Amino acid sequence: RRLIVPKRRPAMGWTINFGRRRGWLVLAGLLVTAIAVPLAL
């Protein structure tokens, strides 16, 4: 049920659980932000 989980090597940070629908929404939001902010600037 977790949306964000530690990576296989926890010292490397966290990753998204792509088995959850909200995980895909988080990825889409990150991509939109990564594209929209430079375009706006």
PDB file of all heavy atoms in Angstrom:
ATOM      1  N   ARG A   1       0.812  -1.218   0.000  1.00  0.00           N
ATOM      2  CA  ARG A   1       0.000   0.000   0.000  1.00  0.00           C
ATOM      3  C   ARG A   1       0.846   1.268   0.000  1.00  0.00           C
ATOM      4  O   ARG A   1       0.334   2.355  -0.184  1.00  0.00           O
ATOM      5  CB  ARG A   1      -0.936  -0.004   1.205  1.00  0.00           C
ATOM      6  CG  ARG A   1      -1.753  -1.277   1.262  1.00  0.00           C
ATOM      7  CD  ARG A   1      -3.212  -1.212   1.446  1.00  0.00           C
ATOM      8  NE  ARG A   1      -3.887   0.019   1.472  1.00  0.00           N
ATOM      9  CZ  ARG A   1      -4.776   0.394   0.552  1.00  0.00           C
ATOM     10  NH1 ARG A   1      -5.019  -0.375  -0.473  1.00  0.00           N
ATOM     11  NH2 ARG A   1      -5.410   1.527   0.676  1.00  0.00           N
ATOM     12  N   ARG A   2       2.149   1.146   0.208  1.00  0.00           N
ATOM     13  CA  ARG A   2       3.010   2.330   0.238  1.00  0.00           C
ATOM     14  C   ARG A   2       3.186   2.902  -1.167  1.00  0.00           C
ATOM     15  O   ARG A   2       3.287   2.175  -2.140  1.00  0.00           O
ATOM     16  CB  ARG A   2       4.385   1.980   0.810  1.00  0.00           C
ATOM     17  CG  ARG A   2       4.318   1.482   2.244  1.00  0.00           C
ATOM     18  CD  ARG A   2       5.660   1.057   2.737  1.00  0.00           C
ATOM     19  NE  ARG A   2       6.148  -0.092   1.961  1.00  0.00           N
ATOM     20  CZ  ARG A   2       7.359  -0.610   2.100  1.00  0.00           C
ATOM     21  NH1 ARG A   2       8.213  -0.092   2.955  1.00  0.00           N
ATOM     22  NH2 ARG A   2       7.720  -1.649   1.371  1.00  0.00           N
ATOM     23  N   LEU A   3       3.214   4.214  -1.256  1.00  0.00           N
ATOM     24  CA  LEU A   3       3.430   4.892  -2.526  1.00  0.00           C
ATOM     25  C   LEU A   3       4.919   5.085  -2.789  1.00  0.00           C
ATOM     26  O   LEU A   3       5.395   4.926  -3.909  1.00  0.00           O
ATOM     27  CB  LEU A   3       2.719   6.254  -2.520  1.00  0.00           C
ATOM     28  CG  LEU A   3       2.874   7.115  -3.760  1.00  0.00           C
ATOM     29  CD1 LEU A   3       2.319   6.413  -4.981  1.00  0.00           C
ATOM     30  CD2 LEU A   3       2.172   8.445  -3.555  1.00  0.00           C
ATOM     31  N   ILE A   4       5.659   5.415  -1.757  1.00  0.00           N
ATOM     32  CA  ILE A   4       7.097   5.634  -1.854  1.00  0.00           C
ATOM     33  C   ILE A   4       7.786   4.578  -0.984  1.00  0.00           C
ATOM     34  O   ILE A   4       7.414   4.383   0.175  1.00  0.00           O
ATOM     35  CB  ILE A   4       7.472   7.044  -1.346  1.00  0.00           C
ATOM     36  CG1 ILE A   4       6.673   8.122  -2.080  1.00  0.00           C
ATOM     37  CG2 ILE A   4       8.964   7.282  -1.460  1.00  0.00           C
ATOM     38  CD1 ILE A   4       7.020   8.295  -3.539  1.00  0.00           C
ATOM     39  N   VAL A   5       8.789   3.906  -1.549  1.00  0.00           N
ATOM     40  CA  VAL A   5       9.515   2.864  -0.824  1.00  0.00           C
ATOM     41  C   VAL A   5      11.014   3.098  -0.965  1.00  0.00           C
ATOM     42  O   VAL A   5      11.456   3.734  -1.920  1.00  0.00           O
ATOM     43  CB  VAL A   5       9.162   1.453  -1.352  1.00  0.00           C
ATOM     44  CG1 VAL A   5       7.697   1.137  -1.143  1.00  0.00           C
ATOM     45  CG2 VAL A   5       9.536   1.298  -2.808  1.00  0.00           C
ATOM     46  N   PRO A   6      11.816   2.572  -0.020  1.00  0.00           N
ATOM     47  CA  PRO A   6      13.265   2.687  -0.173  1.00  0.00           C
ATOM     48  C   PRO A   6      13.729   1.893  -1.392  1.00  0.00           C
ATOM     49  O   PRO A   6      13.135   0.875  -1.745  1.00  0.00           O
ATOM     50  CB  PRO A   6      13.823   2.058   1.103  1.00  0.00           C
ATOM     51  CG  PRO A   6      12.675   1.872   2.019  1.00  0.00           C
ATOM     52  CD  PRO A   6      11.436   1.901   1.208  1.00  0.00           C
ATOM     53  N   LYS A   7      14.791   2.350  -2.021  1.00  0.00           N
ATOM     54  CA  LYS A   7      15.362   1.603  -3.133  1.00  0.00           C
ATOM     55  C   LYS A   7      15.984   0.317  -2.602  1.00  0.00           C
ATOM     56  O   LYS A   7      16.126   0.129  -1.409  1.00  0.00           O
ATOM     57  CB  LYS A   7      16.414   2.450  -3.852  1.00  0.00           C
ATOM     58  CG  LYS A   7      15.801   3.603  -4.605  1.00  0.00           C
ATOM     59  CD  LYS A   7      16.836   4.302  -5.436  1.00  0.00           C
ATOM     60  CE  LYS A   7      16.157   5.411  -6.234  1.00  0.00           C
ATOM     61  NZ  LYS A   7      17.084   6.058  -7.148  1.00  0.00           N
ATOM     62  N   ARG A   8      16.372  -0.557  -3.510  1.00  0.00           N
ATOM     63  CA  ARG A   8      16.990  -1.827  -3.106  1.00  0.00           C
ATOM     64  C   ARG A   8      18.205  -1.577  -2.221  1.00  0.00           C
ATOM     65  O   ARG A   8      18.476  -2.327  -1.312  1.00  0.00           O
ATOM     66  CB  ARG A   8      17.411  -2.638  -4.332  1.00  0.00           C
ATOM     67  CG  ARG A   8      16.248  -3.131  -5.157  1.00  0.00           C
ATOM     68  CD  ARG A   8      15.535  -4.259  -4.537  1.00  0.00           C
ATOM     69  NE  ARG A   8      16.282  -5.497  -4.702  1.00  0.00           N
ATOM     70  CZ  ARG A   8      15.873  -6.631  -4.206  1.00  0.00           C
ATOM     71  NH1 ARG A   8      14.765  -6.703  -3.538  1.00  0.00           N
ATOM     72  NH2 ARG A   8      16.583  -7.712  -4.372  1.00  0.00           N
ATOM     73  N   ARG A   9      18.924  -0.534  -2.516  1.00  0.00           N
ATOM     74  CA  ARG A   9      20.010  -0.079  -1.650  1.00  0.00           C
ATOM     75  C   ARG A   9      19.487   1.180  -0.962  1.00  0.00           C
ATOM     76  O   ARG A   9      19.560   2.270  -1.526  1.00  0.00           O
ATOM     77  CB  ARG A   9      21.258   0.246  -2.451  1.00  0.00           C
ATOM     78  CG  ARG A   9      21.863  -0.960  -3.102  1.00  0.00           C
ATOM     79  CD  ARG A   9      23.122  -0.595  -3.820  1.00  0.00           C
ATOM     80  NE  ARG A   9      23.685  -1.765  -4.443  1.00  0.00           N
ATOM     81  CZ  ARG A   9      24.707  -1.734  -5.255  1.00  0.00           C
ATOM     82  NH1 ARG A   9      25.274  -0.584  -5.537  1.00  0.00           N
ATOM     83  NH2 ARG A   9      25.160  -2.840  -5.778  1.00  0.00           N
ATOM     84  N   PRO A  10      18.939   1.044   0.237  1.00  0.00           N
ATOM     85  CA  PRO A  10      18.282   2.173   0.898  1.00  0.00           C
ATOM     86  C   PRO A  10      19.131   3.446   0.993  1.00  0.00           C
ATOM     87  O   PRO A  10      18.596   4.541   1.004  1.00  0.00           O
ATOM     88  CB  PRO A  10      17.935   1.624   2.283  1.00  0.00           C
ATOM     89  CG  PRO A  10      17.775   0.160   2.061  1.00  0.00           C
ATOM     90  CD  PRO A  10      18.823  -0.186   1.025  1.00  0.00           C
ATOM     91  N   ALA A  11      20.450   3.311   1.009  1.00  0.00           N
ATOM     92  CA  ALA A  11      21.309   4.494   1.063  1.00  0.00           C
ATOM     93  C   ALA A  11      21.197   5.330  -0.213  1.00  0.00           C
ATOM     94  O   ALA A  11      21.585   6.500  -0.221  1.00  0.00           O
ATOM     95  CB  ALA A  11      22.762   4.069   1.290  1.00  0.00           C
ATOM     96  N   MET A  12      20.641   4.742  -1.272  1.00  0.00           N
ATOM     97  CA  MET A  12      20.504   5.445  -2.550  1.00  0.00           C
ATOM     98  C   MET A  12      19.224   6.271  -2.635  1.00  0.00           C
ATOM     99  O   MET A  12      18.990   6.941  -3.629  1.00  0.00           O
ATOM    100  CB  MET A  12      20.546   4.443  -3.711  1.00  0.00           C
ATOM    101  CG  MET A  12      21.848   3.666  -3.797  1.00  0.00           C
ATOM    102  SD  MET A  12      23.265   4.715  -4.111  1.00  0.00           S
ATOM    103  CE  MET A  12      22.950   5.214  -5.774  1.00  0.00           C
ATOM    104  N   GLY A  13      18.391   6.213  -1.620  1.00  0.00           N
ATOM    105  CA  GLY A  13      17.187   7.037  -1.612  1.00  0.00           C
ATOM    106  C   GLY A  13      15.907   6.235  -1.694  1.00  0.00           C
ATOM    107  O   GLY A  13      15.818   5.123  -1.184  1.00  0.00           O
ATOM    108  N   TRP A  14      14.926   6.814  -2.370  1.00  0.00           N
ATOM    109  CA  TRP A  14      13.576   6.270  -2.419  1.00  0.00           C
ATOM    110  C   TRP A  14      13.121   6.127  -3.870  1.00  0.00           C
ATOM    111  O   TRP A  14      13.667   6.750  -4.766  1.00  0.00           O
ATOM    112  CB  TRP A  14      12.627   7.207  -1.669  1.00  0.00           C
ATOM    113  CG  TRP A  14      13.001   7.340  -0.235  1.00  0.00           C
ATOM    114  CD1 TRP A  14      13.974   8.142   0.285  1.00  0.00           C
ATOM    115  CD2 TRP A  14      12.446   6.627   0.862  1.00  0.00           C
ATOM    116  NE1 TRP A  14      14.056   7.974   1.636  1.00  0.00           N
ATOM    117  CE2 TRP A  14      13.113   7.054   2.024  1.00  0.00           C
ATOM    118  CE3 TRP A  14      11.446   5.689   0.986  1.00  0.00           C
ATOM    119  CZ2 TRP A  14      12.809   6.550   3.282  1.00  0.00           C
ATOM    120  CZ3 TRP A  14      11.137   5.200   2.240  1.00  0.00           C
ATOM    121  CH2 TRP A  14      11.822   5.631   3.371  1.00  0.00           C
ATOM    122  N   THR A  15      12.091   5.322  -4.066  1.00  0.00           N
ATOM    123  CA  THR A  15      11.509   5.153  -5.392  1.00  0.00           C
ATOM    124  C   THR A  15       9.994   5.056  -5.281  1.00  0.00           C
ATOM    125  O   THR A  15       9.443   4.887  -4.202  1.00  0.00           O
ATOM    126  CB  THR A  15      12.098   3.909  -6.104  1.00  0.00           C
ATOM    127  OG1 THR A  15      11.685   3.919  -7.470  1.00  0.00           O
ATOM    128  CG2 THR A  15      11.639   2.623  -5.446  1.00  0.00           C
ATOM    129  N   ILE A  16       9.344   5.146  -6.395  1.00  0.00           N
ATOM    130  CA  ILE A  16       7.882   5.090  -6.465  1.00  0.00           C
ATOM    131  C   ILE A  16       7.442   3.637  -6.619  1.00  0.00           C
ATOM    132  O   ILE A  16       8.080   2.861  -7.328  1.00  0.00           O
ATOM    133  CB  ILE A  16       7.375   5.920  -7.669  1.00  0.00           C
ATOM    134  CG1 ILE A  16       7.768   7.380  -7.509  1.00  0.00           C
ATOM    135  CG2 ILE A  16       5.877   5.779  -7.844  1.00  0.00           C
ATOM    136  CD1 ILE A  16       7.549   8.213  -8.761  1.00  0.00           C
ATOM    137  N   ASN A  17       6.342   3.279  -5.980  1.00  0.00           N
ATOM    138  CA  ASN A  17       5.720   1.971  -6.171  1.00  0.00           C
ATOM    139  C   ASN A  17       4.812   2.081  -7.395  1.00  0.00           C
ATOM    140  O   ASN A  17       3.719   2.633  -7.331  1.00  0.00           O
ATOM    141  CB  ASN A  17       4.921   1.563  -4.931  1.00  0.00           C
ATOM    142  CG  ASN A  17       4.236   0.228  -5.097  1.00  0.00           C
ATOM    143  OD1 ASN A  17       4.338  -0.419  -6.130  1.00  0.00           O
ATOM    144  ND2 ASN A  17       3.512  -0.183  -4.074  1.00  0.00           N
ATOM    145  N   PHE A  18       5.272   1.556  -8.520  1.00  0.00           N
ATOM    146  CA  PHE A  18       4.511   1.650  -9.764  1.00  0.00           C
ATOM    147  C   PHE A  18       3.344   0.680  -9.815  1.00  0.00           C
ATOM    148  O   PHE A  18       2.583   0.677 -10.774  1.00  0.00           O
ATOM    149  CB  PHE A  18       5.437   1.460 -10.965  1.00  0.00           C
ATOM    150  CG  PHE A  18       6.380   2.614 -11.148  1.00  0.00           C
ATOM    151  CD1 PHE A  18       7.697   2.529 -10.736  1.00  0.00           C
ATOM    152  CD2 PHE A  18       5.933   3.800 -11.694  1.00  0.00           C
ATOM    153  CE1 PHE A  18       8.559   3.594 -10.889  1.00  0.00           C
ATOM    154  CE2 PHE A  18       6.783   4.879 -11.848  1.00  0.00           C
ATOM    155  CZ  PHE A  18       8.102   4.772 -11.438  1.00  0.00           C
ATOM    156  N   GLY A  19       3.172  -0.123  -8.788  1.00  0.00           N
ATOM    157  CA  GLY A  19       2.004  -0.992  -8.685  1.00  0.00           C
ATOM    158  C   GLY A  19       0.772  -0.236  -8.209  1.00  0.00           C
ATOM    159  O   GLY A  19      -0.341  -0.746  -8.263  1.00  0.00           O
ATOM    160  N   ARG A  20       0.960   0.970  -7.731  1.00  0.00           N
ATOM    161  CA  ARG A  20      -0.133   1.830  -7.263  1.00  0.00           C
ATOM    162  C   ARG A  20      -0.440   2.869  -8.335  1.00  0.00           C
ATOM    163  O   ARG A  20       0.469   3.463  -8.923  1.00  0.00           O
ATOM    164  CB  ARG A  20       0.254   2.557  -5.974  1.00  0.00           C
ATOM    165  CG  ARG A  20       0.830   1.687  -4.876  1.00  0.00           C
ATOM    166  CD  ARG A  20      -0.123   0.738  -4.272  1.00  0.00           C
ATOM    167  NE  ARG A  20      -1.255   1.450  -3.719  1.00  0.00           N
ATOM    168  CZ  ARG A  20      -2.367   0.854  -3.343  1.00  0.00           C
ATOM    169  NH1 ARG A  20      -2.480  -0.440  -3.442  1.00  0.00           N
ATOM    170  NH2 ARG A  20      -3.358   1.548  -2.858  1.00  0.00           N
ATOM    171  N   ARG A  21      -1.702   3.112  -8.583  1.00  0.00           N
ATOM    172  CA  ARG A  21      -2.103   4.092  -9.600  1.00  0.00           C
ATOM    173  C   ARG A  21      -1.547   5.478  -9.270  1.00  0.00           C
ATOM    174  O   ARG A  21      -1.098   6.207 -10.149  1.00  0.00           O
ATOM    175  CB  ARG A  21      -3.623   4.156  -9.701  1.00  0.00           C
ATOM    176  CG  ARG A  21      -4.093   5.125 -10.767  1.00  0.00           C
ATOM    177  CD  ARG A  21      -5.576   5.111 -10.921  1.00  0.00           C
ATOM    178  NE  ARG A  21      -5.963   3.788 -11.417  1.00  0.00           N
ATOM    179  CZ  ARG A  21      -7.183   3.303 -11.376  1.00  0.00           C
ATOM    180  NH1 ARG A  21      -8.151   4.017 -10.848  1.00  0.00           N
ATOM    181  NH2 ARG A  21      -7.455   2.114 -11.841  1.00  0.00           N
ATOM    182  N   ARG A  22      -1.556   5.819  -7.985  1.00  0.00           N
ATOM    183  CA  ARG A  22      -1.030   7.131  -7.592  1.00  0.00           C
ATOM    184  C   ARG A  22       0.462   7.253  -7.887  1.00  0.00           C
ATOM    185  O   ARG A  22       0.969   8.350  -8.087  1.00  0.00           O
ATOM    186  CB  ARG A  22      -1.306   7.403  -6.119  1.00  0.00           C
ATOM    187  CG  ARG A  22      -2.771   7.726  -5.867  1.00  0.00           C
ATOM    188  CD  ARG A  22      -2.989   8.204  -4.466  1.00  0.00           C
ATOM    189  NE  ARG A  22      -2.824   7.083  -3.532  1.00  0.00           N
ATOM    190  CZ  ARG A  22      -2.593   7.212  -2.249  1.00  0.00           C
ATOM    191  NH1 ARG A  22      -2.478   8.395  -1.712  1.00  0.00           N
ATOM    192  NH2 ARG A  22      -2.478   6.161  -1.484  1.00  0.00           N
ATOM    193  N   GLY A  23       1.173   6.140  -7.946  1.00  0.00           N
ATOM    194  CA  GLY A  23       2.588   6.164  -8.302  1.00  0.00           C
ATOM    195  C   GLY A  23       2.790   6.711  -9.708  1.00  0.00           C
ATOM    196  O   GLY A  23       3.686   7.510  -9.964  1.00  0.00           O
ATOM    197  N   TRP A  24       1.932   6.279 -10.610  1.00  0.00           N
ATOM    198  CA  TRP A  24       2.013   6.779 -11.991  1.00  0.00           C
ATOM    199  C   TRP A  24       1.629   8.261 -12.054  1.00  0.00           C
ATOM    200  O   TRP A  24       2.194   9.024 -12.842  1.00  0.00           O
ATOM    201  CB  TRP A  24       1.116   5.948 -12.910  1.00  0.00           C
ATOM    202  CG  TRP A  24       1.686   4.579 -13.122  1.00  0.00           C
ATOM    203  CD1 TRP A  24       1.320   3.433 -12.488  1.00  0.00           C
ATOM    204  CD2 TRP A  24       2.757   4.228 -13.993  1.00  0.00           C
ATOM    205  NE1 TRP A  24       2.088   2.383 -12.914  1.00  0.00           N
ATOM    206  CE2 TRP A  24       2.980   2.839 -13.847  1.00  0.00           C
ATOM    207  CE3 TRP A  24       3.553   4.941 -14.879  1.00  0.00           C
ATOM    208  CZ2 TRP A  24       3.966   2.162 -14.559  1.00  0.00           C
ATOM    209  CZ3 TRP A  24       4.535   4.262 -15.589  1.00  0.00           C
ATOM    210  CH2 TRP A  24       4.732   2.892 -15.431  1.00  0.00           C
ATOM    211  N   LEU A  25       0.679   8.668 -11.212  1.00  0.00           N
ATOM    212  CA  LEU A  25       0.299  10.084 -11.173  1.00  0.00           C
ATOM    213  C   LEU A  25       1.441  10.937 -10.646  1.00  0.00           C
ATOM    214  O   LEU A  25       1.680  12.055 -11.143  1.00  0.00           O
ATOM    215  CB  LEU A  25      -0.956  10.278 -10.330  1.00  0.00           C
ATOM    216  CG  LEU A  25      -2.234   9.651 -10.884  1.00  0.00           C
ATOM    217  CD1 LEU A  25      -3.374   9.779  -9.882  1.00  0.00           C
ATOM    218  CD2 LEU A  25      -2.606  10.273 -12.208  1.00  0.00           C
ATOM    219  N   VAL A  26       2.163  10.439  -9.650  1.00  0.00           N
ATOM    220  CA  VAL A  26       3.325  11.160  -9.123  1.00  0.00           C
ATOM    221  C   VAL A  26       4.373  11.304 -10.225  1.00  0.00           C
ATOM    222  O   VAL A  26       4.936  12.388 -10.426  1.00  0.00           O
ATOM    223  CB  VAL A  26       3.917  10.443  -7.892  1.00  0.00           C
ATOM    224  CG1 VAL A  26       5.277  10.995  -7.534  1.00  0.00           C
ATOM    225  CG2 VAL A  26       2.967  10.549  -6.714  1.00  0.00           C
ATOM    226  N   LEU A  27       4.641  10.231 -10.959  1.00  0.00           N
ATOM    227  CA  LEU A  27       5.607  10.297 -12.055  1.00  0.00           C
ATOM    228  C   LEU A  27       5.171  11.312 -13.109  1.00  0.00           C
ATOM    229  O   LEU A  27       5.979  12.131 -13.567  1.00  0.00           O
ATOM    230  CB  LEU A  27       5.786   8.922 -12.695  1.00  0.00           C
ATOM    231  CG  LEU A  27       6.735   8.877 -13.892  1.00  0.00           C
ATOM    232  CD1 LEU A  27       8.141   9.278 -13.476  1.00  0.00           C
ATOM    233  CD2 LEU A  27       6.713   7.509 -14.529  1.00  0.00           C
ATOM    234  N   ALA A  28       3.894  11.293 -13.481  1.00  0.00           N
ATOM    235  CA  ALA A  28       3.383  12.253 -14.464  1.00  0.00           C
ATOM    236  C   ALA A  28       3.539  13.683 -13.955  1.00  0.00           C
ATOM    237  O   ALA A  28       3.949  14.579 -14.703  1.00  0.00           O
ATOM    238  CB  ALA A  28       1.918  11.957 -14.781  1.00  0.00           C
ATOM    239  N   GLY A  29       3.238  13.906 -12.687  1.00  0.00           N
ATOM    240  CA  GLY A  29       3.392  15.240 -12.111  1.00  0.00           C
ATOM    241  C   GLY A  29       4.836  15.708 -12.124  1.00  0.00           C
ATOM    242  O   GLY A  29       5.121  16.873 -12.422  1.00  0.00           O
ATOM    243  N   LEU A  30       5.750  14.814 -11.820  1.00  0.00           N
ATOM    244  CA  LEU A  30       7.169  15.176 -11.857  1.00  0.00           C
ATOM    245  C   LEU A  30       7.627  15.516 -13.269  1.00  0.00           C
ATOM    246  O   LEU A  30       8.375  16.481 -13.476  1.00  0.00           O
ATOM    247  CB  LEU A  30       8.016  14.032 -11.292  1.00  0.00           C
ATOM    248  CG  LEU A  30       7.896  13.769  -9.799  1.00  0.00           C
ATOM    249  CD1 LEU A  30       8.622  12.487  -9.421  1.00  0.00           C
ATOM    250  CD2 LEU A  30       8.442  14.946  -9.006  1.00  0.00           C
ATOM    251  N   LEU A  31       7.162  14.745 -14.236  1.00  0.00           N
ATOM    252  CA  LEU A  31       7.532  15.015 -15.628  1.00  0.00           C
ATOM    253  C   LEU A  31       6.957  16.338 -16.118  1.00  0.00           C
ATOM    254  O   LEU A  31       7.647  17.125 -16.783  1.00  0.00           O
ATOM    255  CB  LEU A  31       7.076  13.871 -16.530  1.00  0.00           C
ATOM    256  CG  LEU A  31       7.846  12.564 -16.366  1.00  0.00           C
ATOM    257  CD1 LEU A  31       7.201  11.461 -17.197  1.00  0.00           C
ATOM    258  CD2 LEU A  31       9.295  12.742 -16.747  1.00  0.00           C
ATOM    259  N   VAL A  32       5.695  16.599 -15.792  1.00  0.00           N
ATOM    260  CA  VAL A  32       5.071  17.866 -16.195  1.00  0.00           C
ATOM    261  C   VAL A  32       5.820  19.037 -15.572  1.00  0.00           C
ATOM    262  O   VAL A  32       6.119  20.027 -16.241  1.00  0.00           O
ATOM    263  CB  VAL A  32       3.569  17.889 -15.816  1.00  0.00           C
ATOM    264  CG1 VAL A  32       2.998  19.283 -15.913  1.00  0.00           C
ATOM    265  CG2 VAL A  32       2.797  16.936 -16.697  1.00  0.00           C
ATOM    266  N   THR A  33       6.169  18.911 -14.304  1.00  0.00           N
ATOM    267  CA  THR A  33       6.908  19.977 -13.627  1.00  0.00           C
ATOM    268  C   THR A  33       8.277  20.165 -14.265  1.00  0.00           C
ATOM    269  O   THR A  33       8.704  21.309 -14.492  1.00  0.00           O
ATOM    270  CB  THR A  33       7.061  19.647 -12.125  1.00  0.00           C
ATOM    271  OG1 THR A  33       5.750  19.505 -11.567  1.00  0.00           O
ATOM    272  CG2 THR A  33       7.817  20.733 -11.400  1.00  0.00           C
ATOM    273  N   ALA A  34       8.967  19.062 -14.557  1.00  0.00           N
ATOM    274  CA  ALA A  34      10.303  19.147 -15.148  1.00  0.00           C
ATOM    275  C   ALA A  34      10.277  19.803 -16.523  1.00  0.00           C
ATOM    276  O   ALA A  34      11.253  20.420 -16.943  1.00  0.00           O
ATOM    277  CB  ALA A  34      10.923  17.761 -15.242  1.00  0.00           C
ATOM    278  N   ILE A  35       9.172  19.697 -17.223  1.00  0.00           N
ATOM    279  CA  ILE A  35       9.047  20.321 -18.544  1.00  0.00           C
ATOM    280  C   ILE A  35       8.499  21.735 -18.436  1.00  0.00           C
ATOM    281  O   ILE A  35       8.993  22.659 -19.089  1.00  0.00           O
ATOM    282  CB  ILE A  35       8.147  19.460 -19.459  1.00  0.00           C
ATOM    283  CG1 ILE A  35       8.858  18.124 -19.733  1.00  0.00           C
ATOM    284  CG2 ILE A  35       7.809  20.184 -20.760  1.00  0.00           C
ATOM    285  CD1 ILE A  35       7.973  17.081 -20.375  1.00  0.00           C
ATOM    286  N   ALA A  36       7.489  21.945 -17.609  1.00  0.00           N
ATOM    287  CA  ALA A  36       6.800  23.237 -17.527  1.00  0.00           C
ATOM    288  C   ALA A  36       7.667  24.328 -16.917  1.00  0.00           C
ATOM    289  O   ALA A  36       7.630  25.475 -17.380  1.00  0.00           O
ATOM    290  CB  ALA A  36       5.506  23.087 -16.738  1.00  0.00           C
ATOM    291  N   VAL A  37       8.428  24.021 -15.886  1.00  0.00           N
ATOM    292  CA  VAL A  37       9.219  25.070 -15.207  1.00  0.00           C
ATOM    293  C   VAL A  37      10.265  25.665 -16.158  1.00  0.00           C
ATOM    294  O   VAL A  37      10.329  26.900 -16.280  1.00  0.00           O
ATOM    295  CB  VAL A  37       9.849  24.527 -13.898  1.00  0.00           C
ATOM    296  CG1 VAL A  37      10.878  25.491 -13.355  1.00  0.00           C
ATOM    297  CG2 VAL A  37       8.767  24.259 -12.884  1.00  0.00           C
ATOM    298  N   PRO A  38      11.083  24.872 -16.838  1.00  0.00           N
ATOM    299  CA  PRO A  38      12.040  25.495 -17.773  1.00  0.00           C
ATOM    300  C   PRO A  38      11.355  26.276 -18.891  1.00  0.00           C
ATOM    301  O   PRO A  38      11.851  27.335 -19.300  1.00  0.00           O
ATOM    302  CB  PRO A  38      12.827  24.320 -18.338  1.00  0.00           C
ATOM    303  CG  PRO A  38      12.670  23.244 -17.322  1.00  0.00           C
ATOM    304  CD  PRO A  38      11.325  23.438 -16.710  1.00  0.00           C
ATOM    305  N   LEU A  39      10.224  25.780 -19.388  1.00  0.00           N
ATOM    306  CA  LEU A  39       9.510  26.514 -20.438  1.00  0.00           C
ATOM    307  C   LEU A  39       8.990  27.846 -19.907  1.00  0.00           C
ATOM    308  O   LEU A  39       9.084  28.869 -20.599  1.00  0.00           O
ATOM    309  CB  LEU A  39       8.353  25.671 -20.974  1.00  0.00           C
ATOM    310  CG  LEU A  39       8.740  24.476 -21.832  1.00  0.00           C
ATOM    311  CD1 LEU A  39       7.506  23.663 -22.203  1.00  0.00           C
ATOM    312  CD2 LEU A  39       9.495  24.909 -23.081  1.00  0.00           C
ATOM    313  N   ALA A  40       8.460  27.844 -18.697  1.00  0.00           N
ATOM    314  CA  ALA A  40       7.966  29.093 -18.109  1.00  0.00           C
ATOM    315  C   ALA A  40       9.098  30.066 -17.865  1.00  0.00           C
ATOM    316  O   ALA A  40       8.971  31.265 -18.130  1.00  0.00           O
ATOM    317  CB  ALA A  40       7.231  28.791 -16.802  1.00  0.00           C
ATOM    318  N   LEU A  41      10.216  29.583 -17.383  1.00  0.00           N
ATOM    319  CA  LEU A  41      11.369  30.454 -17.161  1.00  0.00           C
ATOM    320  C   LEU A  41      11.916  31.016 -18.455  1.00  0.00           C
ATOM    321  O   LEU A  41      12.316  32.179 -18.520  1.00  0.00           O
ATOM    322  CB  LEU A  41      12.461  29.705 -16.393  1.00  0.00           C
ATOM    323  CG  LEU A  41      12.143  29.343 -14.951  1.00  0.00           C
ATOM    324  CD1 LEU A  41      13.241  28.470 -14.369  1.00  0.00           C
ATOM    325  CD2 LEU A  41      11.928  30.593 -14.114  1.00  0.00           C
TER     326      LEU A  41
END
